Amino acid sequence: MKLILTQEVTGLGGPGDVVEVKDGYGRNYLVPRGVAIRWTRGAEKTVESIKAARATRAVRDLGHAEEIKTKLEANSVAVKVRAGAGGRLFGAVTTAEIAEALQASSGEAVDKRTIAIKNPIRALGNHEISVRLHDEVSATVALNVIPA
């Protein structure tokens, strides 16, 4: 089955890539989740627009990604959230909140889709998150969750 990816899929490709996958994987997983659309000649024209949008969001090059990595890893990032008794949060810390905190602390805009959290953050304290800046560059950032 030939598909056009609309989002990043680890091990498969990025937005705008045309990939060949097994029928079941495409039909039962990728397409229903909105990660890919079926390839047609008409849809082939949307590939350029997807790639153009991807290029504007992407980090310019490897050197720029290294610069952003050093800025992000230089200091700890604090996120203020509502918390109850015992340090438990009302909900979880979202990647959007983390992206805002990263931009406030480093001055660099980080896309929320590039932030990877191992387990949902539902407690106060220090946590580690990973930010994938480039295909070859990933930054590990210390996150401090504090009560608002």
N, C-alpha and C. Protein backbone atom coordinates (compact mmCIF):
# COMPACT_ATOMS: atom_id res chain seq x y z
N MET A 1 0.85 -1.16 0.00
CA MET A 1 0.00 0.00 0.00
C MET A 1 0.90 1.24 0.00
N LYS A 2 0.60 2.18 -0.84
CA LYS A 2 1.37 3.40 -0.96
C LYS A 2 0.65 4.50 -0.19
N LEU A 3 1.38 5.16 0.73
CA LEU A 3 0.80 6.20 1.57
C LEU A 3 1.66 7.45 1.55
N ILE A 4 1.04 8.58 1.89
CA ILE A 4 1.75 9.83 2.09
C ILE A 4 1.65 10.15 3.58
N LEU A 5 2.79 10.28 4.25
CA LEU A 5 2.80 10.57 5.68
C LEU A 5 2.45 12.03 5.93
N THR A 6 1.61 12.27 6.94
CA THR A 6 1.26 13.64 7.32
C THR A 6 1.93 14.04 8.63
N GLN A 7 2.49 13.07 9.35
CA GLN A 7 3.20 13.32 10.60
C GLN A 7 4.44 12.46 10.64
N GLU A 8 5.32 12.75 11.59
CA GLU A 8 6.54 11.97 11.79
C GLU A 8 6.18 10.58 12.31
N VAL A 9 6.72 9.54 11.69
CA VAL A 9 6.55 8.16 12.16
C VAL A 9 7.95 7.59 12.34
N THR A 10 8.28 7.23 13.57
CA THR A 10 9.62 6.73 13.87
C THR A 10 9.89 5.46 13.07
N GLY A 11 11.02 5.44 12.39
CA GLY A 11 11.42 4.28 11.61
C GLY A 11 10.81 4.20 10.24
N LEU A 12 9.92 5.15 9.91
CA LEU A 12 9.25 5.10 8.61
C LEU A 12 9.53 6.35 7.78
N GLY A 13 9.37 7.53 8.37
CA GLY A 13 9.65 8.75 7.64
C GLY A 13 8.98 9.95 8.27
N GLY A 14 9.08 11.07 7.58
CA GLY A 14 8.53 12.33 8.07
C GLY A 14 7.38 12.80 7.21
N PRO A 15 6.79 13.92 7.58
CA PRO A 15 5.67 14.47 6.82
C PRO A 15 6.05 14.74 5.37
N GLY A 16 5.17 14.32 4.46
CA GLY A 16 5.40 14.53 3.04
C GLY A 16 6.10 13.39 2.35
N ASP A 17 6.60 12.41 3.10
CA ASP A 17 7.27 11.27 2.50
C ASP A 17 6.25 10.29 1.94
N VAL A 18 6.52 9.77 0.76
CA VAL A 18 5.69 8.73 0.16
C VAL A 18 6.35 7.40 0.50
N VAL A 19 5.61 6.53 1.21
CA VAL A 19 6.17 5.27 1.68
C VAL A 19 5.30 4.10 1.22
N GLU A 20 5.93 2.96 1.13
CA GLU A 20 5.25 1.71 0.79
C GLU A 20 5.22 0.85 2.05
N VAL A 21 4.00 0.53 2.54
CA VAL A 21 3.85 -0.28 3.76
C VAL A 21 2.91 -1.44 3.47
N LYS A 22 2.89 -2.39 4.39
CA LYS A 22 1.96 -3.51 4.25
C LYS A 22 0.53 -3.00 4.40
N ASP A 23 -0.39 -3.68 3.71
CA ASP A 23 -1.78 -3.23 3.67
C ASP A 23 -2.40 -3.10 5.06
N GLY A 24 -2.21 -4.08 5.92
CA GLY A 24 -2.81 -4.07 7.25
C GLY A 24 -2.30 -2.93 8.10
N TYR A 25 -1.00 -2.67 8.05
CA TYR A 25 -0.39 -1.60 8.84
C TYR A 25 -0.95 -0.24 8.41
N GLY A 26 -1.07 -0.04 7.10
CA GLY A 26 -1.61 1.21 6.60
C GLY A 26 -3.08 1.37 6.88
N ARG A 27 -3.86 0.34 6.58
CA ARG A 27 -5.31 0.40 6.70
C ARG A 27 -5.78 0.42 8.15
N ASN A 28 -5.12 -0.32 9.04
CA ASN A 28 -5.59 -0.46 10.41
C ASN A 28 -4.91 0.45 11.42
N TYR A 29 -3.74 1.00 11.07
CA TYR A 29 -3.01 1.80 12.05
C TYR A 29 -2.76 3.23 11.57
N LEU A 30 -2.07 3.38 10.43
CA LEU A 30 -1.64 4.70 10.00
C LEU A 30 -2.80 5.61 9.56
N VAL A 31 -3.65 5.12 8.67
CA VAL A 31 -4.73 5.94 8.14
C VAL A 31 -5.77 6.30 9.21
N PRO A 32 -6.26 5.35 10.03
CA PRO A 32 -7.25 5.73 11.04
C PRO A 32 -6.75 6.75 12.07
N ARG A 33 -5.46 6.74 12.35
CA ARG A 33 -4.91 7.68 13.33
C ARG A 33 -4.58 9.04 12.70
N GLY A 34 -4.75 9.18 11.42
CA GLY A 34 -4.49 10.45 10.75
C GLY A 34 -3.01 10.73 10.52
N VAL A 35 -2.19 9.70 10.63
CA VAL A 35 -0.75 9.85 10.45
C VAL A 35 -0.39 9.80 8.97
N ALA A 36 -1.27 9.21 8.15
CA ALA A 36 -0.99 9.08 6.72
C ALA A 36 -2.30 9.16 5.94
N ILE A 37 -2.15 9.51 4.65
CA ILE A 37 -3.29 9.48 3.74
C ILE A 37 -2.92 8.59 2.56
N ARG A 38 -3.94 8.04 1.92
CA ARG A 38 -3.68 7.18 0.77
C ARG A 38 -3.07 7.97 -0.37
N TRP A 39 -2.16 7.33 -1.09
CA TRP A 39 -1.51 7.97 -2.22
C TRP A 39 -2.40 7.89 -3.44
N THR A 40 -2.65 9.02 -4.06
CA THR A 40 -3.33 9.10 -5.35
C THR A 40 -2.61 10.19 -6.14
N ARG A 41 -2.93 10.29 -7.40
CA ARG A 41 -2.29 11.33 -8.21
C ARG A 41 -2.68 12.72 -7.71
N GLY A 42 -3.93 12.85 -7.27
CA GLY A 42 -4.38 14.13 -6.74
C GLY A 42 -3.70 14.45 -5.41
N ALA A 43 -3.55 13.44 -4.58
CA ALA A 43 -2.90 13.64 -3.28
C ALA A 43 -1.41 13.91 -3.44
N GLU A 44 -0.84 13.48 -4.55
CA GLU A 44 0.59 13.72 -4.81
C GLU A 44 0.89 15.22 -4.83
N LYS A 45 -0.09 16.03 -5.22
CA LYS A 45 0.10 17.48 -5.27
C LYS A 45 0.20 18.07 -3.87
N THR A 46 -0.41 17.43 -2.89
CA THR A 46 -0.35 17.94 -1.52
C THR A 46 1.01 17.69 -0.88
N VAL A 47 1.79 16.80 -1.47
CA VAL A 47 3.11 16.48 -0.92
C VAL A 47 3.98 17.73 -0.87
N GLU A 48 3.93 18.54 -1.92
CA GLU A 48 4.74 19.75 -1.94
C GLU A 48 4.35 20.70 -0.82
N SER A 49 3.05 20.85 -0.57
CA SER A 49 2.62 21.76 0.50
C SER A 49 3.01 21.22 1.87
N ILE A 50 2.93 19.90 2.06
CA ILE A 50 3.34 19.29 3.33
C ILE A 50 4.83 19.48 3.54
N LYS A 51 5.62 19.27 2.49
CA LYS A 51 7.07 19.43 2.61
C LYS A 51 7.45 20.89 2.84
N ALA A 52 6.73 21.83 2.24
CA ALA A 52 7.01 23.25 2.45
C ALA A 52 6.74 23.64 3.90
N ALA A 53 5.63 23.15 4.46
CA ALA A 53 5.31 23.43 5.86
C ALA A 53 6.34 22.79 6.78
N ARG A 54 6.79 21.60 6.43
CA ARG A 54 7.80 20.90 7.23
C ARG A 54 9.12 21.66 7.22
N ALA A 55 9.49 22.21 6.06
CA ALA A 55 10.75 22.94 5.95
C ALA A 55 10.75 24.20 6.78
N THR A 56 9.61 24.87 6.90
CA THR A 56 9.56 26.09 7.69
C THR A 56 9.67 25.79 9.18
N ARG A 57 9.16 24.64 9.62
CA ARG A 57 9.23 24.27 11.04
C ARG A 57 10.56 23.65 11.40
N ALA A 58 11.24 23.06 10.44
CA ALA A 58 12.45 22.29 10.72
C ALA A 58 13.62 23.20 11.07
N VAL A 59 14.51 22.64 11.81
CA VAL A 59 15.75 23.34 12.14
C VAL A 59 16.59 23.42 10.86
N ARG A 60 17.27 24.54 10.68
CA ARG A 60 17.96 24.79 9.40
C ARG A 60 18.95 23.70 9.01
N ASP A 61 19.88 23.38 9.91
CA ASP A 61 20.88 22.38 9.59
C ASP A 61 21.44 21.77 10.86
N LEU A 62 22.37 20.89 10.72
CA LEU A 62 22.95 20.17 11.85
C LEU A 62 23.65 21.12 12.81
N GLY A 63 24.37 22.10 12.30
CA GLY A 63 25.07 23.07 13.15
C GLY A 63 24.10 23.88 14.00
N HIS A 64 23.00 24.30 13.40
CA HIS A 64 21.99 25.05 14.14
C HIS A 64 21.35 24.17 15.21
N ALA A 65 21.13 22.89 14.91
CA ALA A 65 20.56 21.97 15.89
C ALA A 65 21.50 21.80 17.08
N GLU A 66 22.81 21.76 16.83
CA GLU A 66 23.79 21.65 17.92
C GLU A 66 23.75 22.89 18.81
N GLU A 67 23.60 24.07 18.20
CA GLU A 67 23.50 25.31 18.97
C GLU A 67 22.28 25.29 19.88
N ILE A 68 21.14 24.88 19.33
CA ILE A 68 19.91 24.82 20.12
C ILE A 68 20.06 23.81 21.24
N LYS A 69 20.72 22.68 20.96
CA LYS A 69 20.93 21.64 21.98
C LYS A 69 21.71 22.20 23.16
N THR A 70 22.78 22.95 22.90
CA THR A 70 23.57 23.50 24.00
C THR A 70 22.77 24.52 24.80
N LYS A 71 21.92 25.29 24.13
CA LYS A 71 21.07 26.26 24.84
C LYS A 71 20.06 25.55 25.74
N LEU A 72 19.46 24.49 25.22
CA LEU A 72 18.43 23.78 25.98
C LEU A 72 19.01 23.02 27.17
N GLU A 73 20.18 22.40 26.97
CA GLU A 73 20.77 21.60 28.04
C GLU A 73 21.52 22.45 29.06
N ALA A 74 21.73 23.74 28.78
CA ALA A 74 22.51 24.60 29.67
C ALA A 74 21.83 24.82 31.02
N ASN A 75 20.51 24.91 31.03
CA ASN A 75 19.84 25.18 32.29
C ASN A 75 18.57 24.35 32.43
N SER A 76 18.07 24.29 33.64
CA SER A 76 16.86 23.55 33.94
C SER A 76 15.65 24.40 33.56
N VAL A 77 14.59 23.75 33.14
CA VAL A 77 13.37 24.43 32.74
C VAL A 77 12.32 24.21 33.80
N ALA A 78 11.67 25.28 34.24
CA ALA A 78 10.64 25.18 35.28
C ALA A 78 9.26 25.33 34.65
N VAL A 79 8.34 24.46 35.05
CA VAL A 79 6.96 24.52 34.59
C VAL A 79 6.08 24.64 35.83
N LYS A 80 5.23 25.67 35.87
CA LYS A 80 4.32 25.86 37.00
C LYS A 80 2.97 25.22 36.66
N VAL A 81 2.50 24.38 37.58
CA VAL A 81 1.22 23.69 37.37
C VAL A 81 0.42 23.68 38.67
N ARG A 82 -0.88 23.45 38.55
CA ARG A 82 -1.72 23.32 39.73
C ARG A 82 -1.51 21.95 40.33
N ALA A 83 -1.31 21.92 41.65
CA ALA A 83 -1.05 20.65 42.33
C ALA A 83 -1.88 20.57 43.60
N GLY A 84 -2.21 19.34 43.96
CA GLY A 84 -2.96 19.10 45.18
C GLY A 84 -2.05 18.68 46.31
N ALA A 85 -2.65 18.13 47.34
CA ALA A 85 -1.89 17.68 48.50
C ALA A 85 -0.99 16.51 48.12
N GLY A 86 0.19 16.48 48.67
CA GLY A 86 1.11 15.38 48.41
C GLY A 86 1.86 15.52 47.10
N GLY A 87 1.75 16.66 46.43
CA GLY A 87 2.51 16.87 45.21
C GLY A 87 1.90 16.26 43.96
N ARG A 88 0.66 15.80 44.03
CA ARG A 88 0.01 15.23 42.84
C ARG A 88 -0.62 16.35 42.03
N LEU A 89 -0.50 16.23 40.72
CA LEU A 89 -1.01 17.26 39.82
C LEU A 89 -2.46 17.01 39.46
N PHE A 90 -3.14 18.09 39.08
CA PHE A 90 -4.49 17.96 38.52
C PHE A 90 -4.30 17.75 37.03
N GLY A 91 -4.23 16.51 36.60
CA GLY A 91 -3.94 16.19 35.20
C GLY A 91 -2.47 15.88 35.05
N ALA A 92 -1.93 16.15 33.88
CA ALA A 92 -0.52 15.88 33.59
C ALA A 92 0.08 17.08 32.88
N VAL A 93 1.39 17.17 32.90
CA VAL A 93 2.09 18.23 32.18
C VAL A 93 2.09 17.85 30.70
N THR A 94 1.62 18.76 29.85
CA THR A 94 1.51 18.48 28.42
C THR A 94 2.76 18.93 27.69
N THR A 95 2.93 18.41 26.49
CA THR A 95 4.07 18.81 25.68
C THR A 95 3.96 20.27 25.26
N ALA A 96 2.74 20.79 25.13
CA ALA A 96 2.55 22.20 24.78
C ALA A 96 3.07 23.10 25.91
N GLU A 97 2.80 22.72 27.15
CA GLU A 97 3.30 23.50 28.30
C GLU A 97 4.82 23.45 28.35
N ILE A 98 5.38 22.29 28.07
CA ILE A 98 6.83 22.15 28.08
C ILE A 98 7.45 22.99 26.96
N ALA A 99 6.83 22.99 25.78
CA ALA A 99 7.35 23.77 24.66
C ALA A 99 7.35 25.26 24.98
N GLU A 100 6.29 25.74 25.65
CA GLU A 100 6.23 27.15 26.05
C GLU A 100 7.34 27.47 27.05
N ALA A 101 7.56 26.58 28.01
CA ALA A 101 8.61 26.80 29.01
C ALA A 101 10.00 26.77 28.38
N LEU A 102 10.21 25.88 27.41
CA LEU A 102 11.49 25.82 26.72
C LEU A 102 11.75 27.11 25.94
N GLN A 103 10.72 27.62 25.29
CA GLN A 103 10.89 28.85 24.53
C GLN A 103 11.15 30.03 25.46
N ALA A 104 10.49 30.06 26.62
CA ALA A 104 10.70 31.15 27.57
C ALA A 104 12.12 31.12 28.15
N SER A 105 12.64 29.92 28.41
CA SER A 105 13.95 29.83 29.06
C SER A 105 15.12 29.97 28.08
N SER A 106 14.97 29.44 26.86
CA SER A 106 16.10 29.45 25.92
C SER A 106 15.96 30.47 24.80
N GLY A 107 14.73 30.92 24.54
CA GLY A 107 14.52 31.86 23.44
C GLY A 107 14.37 31.18 22.09
N GLU A 108 14.47 29.86 22.05
CA GLU A 108 14.33 29.10 20.81
C GLU A 108 12.95 28.45 20.75
N ALA A 109 12.28 28.57 19.62
CA ALA A 109 10.97 27.94 19.44
C ALA A 109 11.17 26.44 19.23
N VAL A 110 10.45 25.65 20.02
CA VAL A 110 10.53 24.19 19.93
C VAL A 110 9.13 23.67 19.61
N ASP A 111 9.04 22.83 18.60
CA ASP A 111 7.76 22.24 18.23
C ASP A 111 7.36 21.19 19.26
N LYS A 112 6.11 21.22 19.70
CA LYS A 112 5.67 20.29 20.74
C LYS A 112 5.71 18.84 20.27
N ARG A 113 5.68 18.60 18.97
CA ARG A 113 5.72 17.23 18.46
C ARG A 113 7.10 16.61 18.55
N THR A 114 8.12 17.43 18.80
CA THR A 114 9.48 16.90 18.90
C THR A 114 9.85 16.53 20.33
N ILE A 115 8.95 16.80 21.28
CA ILE A 115 9.22 16.52 22.69
C ILE A 115 8.74 15.11 23.01
N ALA A 116 9.63 14.32 23.61
CA ALA A 116 9.30 12.94 23.98
C ALA A 116 9.33 12.81 25.50
N ILE A 117 8.23 12.32 26.05
CA ILE A 117 8.12 12.07 27.49
C ILE A 117 7.96 10.58 27.68
N LYS A 118 8.81 9.97 28.51
CA LYS A 118 8.75 8.52 28.71
C LYS A 118 7.45 8.11 29.37
N ASN A 119 7.13 8.71 30.49
CA ASN A 119 5.89 8.45 31.21
C ASN A 119 5.18 9.78 31.45
N PRO A 120 3.86 9.78 31.52
CA PRO A 120 3.16 11.05 31.80
C PRO A 120 3.66 11.67 33.11
N ILE A 121 3.89 12.97 33.09
CA ILE A 121 4.38 13.67 34.27
C ILE A 121 3.19 14.09 35.11
N ARG A 122 3.01 13.44 36.26
CA ARG A 122 1.86 13.69 37.12
C ARG A 122 2.25 13.98 38.55
N ALA A 123 3.52 14.33 38.77
CA ALA A 123 3.99 14.63 40.12
C ALA A 123 4.97 15.80 40.07
N LEU A 124 5.06 16.51 41.18
CA LEU A 124 6.02 17.60 41.29
C LEU A 124 7.42 17.03 41.36
N GLY A 125 8.40 17.86 41.03
CA GLY A 125 9.78 17.43 41.15
C GLY A 125 10.53 17.51 39.83
N ASN A 126 11.70 16.88 39.82
CA ASN A 126 12.58 16.91 38.64
C ASN A 126 12.30 15.72 37.73
N HIS A 127 12.27 15.99 36.44
CA HIS A 127 12.04 14.97 35.42
C HIS A 127 12.98 15.23 34.26
N GLU A 128 13.23 14.22 33.44
CA GLU A 128 14.03 14.37 32.24
C GLU A 128 13.16 14.14 31.02
N ILE A 129 13.31 15.02 30.04
CA ILE A 129 12.59 14.87 28.78
C ILE A 129 13.60 14.90 27.64
N SER A 130 13.18 14.40 26.51
CA SER A 130 14.04 14.38 25.34
C SER A 130 13.40 15.23 24.25
N VAL A 131 14.22 16.05 23.58
CA VAL A 131 13.74 16.88 22.49
C VAL A 131 14.53 16.51 21.24
N ARG A 132 13.83 16.05 20.22
CA ARG A 132 14.48 15.64 18.97
C ARG A 132 14.54 16.85 18.04
N LEU A 133 15.72 17.43 17.95
CA LEU A 133 15.90 18.66 17.18
C LEU A 133 16.17 18.41 15.70
N HIS A 134 16.85 17.33 15.42
CA HIS A 134 17.27 16.99 14.05
C HIS A 134 17.32 15.48 14.00
N ASP A 135 17.44 14.91 12.81
CA ASP A 135 17.51 13.46 12.70
C ASP A 135 18.68 12.88 13.49
N GLU A 136 19.75 13.65 13.62
CA GLU A 136 20.95 13.16 14.30
C GLU A 136 21.19 13.80 15.65
N VAL A 137 20.39 14.79 16.05
CA VAL A 137 20.62 15.53 17.28
C VAL A 137 19.39 15.46 18.18
N SER A 138 19.61 15.01 19.41
CA SER A 138 18.56 14.97 20.41
C SER A 138 19.10 15.55 21.70
N ALA A 139 18.32 16.40 22.34
CA ALA A 139 18.74 17.04 23.58
C ALA A 139 17.97 16.47 24.76
N THR A 140 18.66 16.24 25.87
CA THR A 140 18.03 15.80 27.11
C THR A 140 17.96 17.00 28.03
N VAL A 141 16.73 17.35 28.43
CA VAL A 141 16.50 18.57 29.19
C VAL A 141 15.99 18.21 30.58
N ALA A 142 16.53 18.90 31.60
CA ALA A 142 16.05 18.72 32.96
C ALA A 142 14.81 19.61 33.16
N LEU A 143 13.72 18.98 33.57
CA LEU A 143 12.45 19.68 33.76
C LEU A 143 12.10 19.68 35.23
N ASN A 144 11.82 20.84 35.78
CA ASN A 144 11.44 20.97 37.18
C ASN A 144 9.98 21.39 37.23
N VAL A 145 9.12 20.53 37.77
CA VAL A 145 7.71 20.83 37.88
C VAL A 145 7.46 21.39 39.28
N ILE A 146 6.96 22.63 39.33
CA ILE A 146 6.73 23.31 40.59
C ILE A 146 5.28 23.72 40.72
N PRO A 147 4.76 23.85 41.95
CA PRO A 147 3.36 24.24 42.12
C PRO A 147 3.16 25.72 41.77
N ALA A 148 2.01 26.02 41.21
CA ALA A 148 1.70 27.40 40.82
C ALA A 148 1.25 28.22 42.01
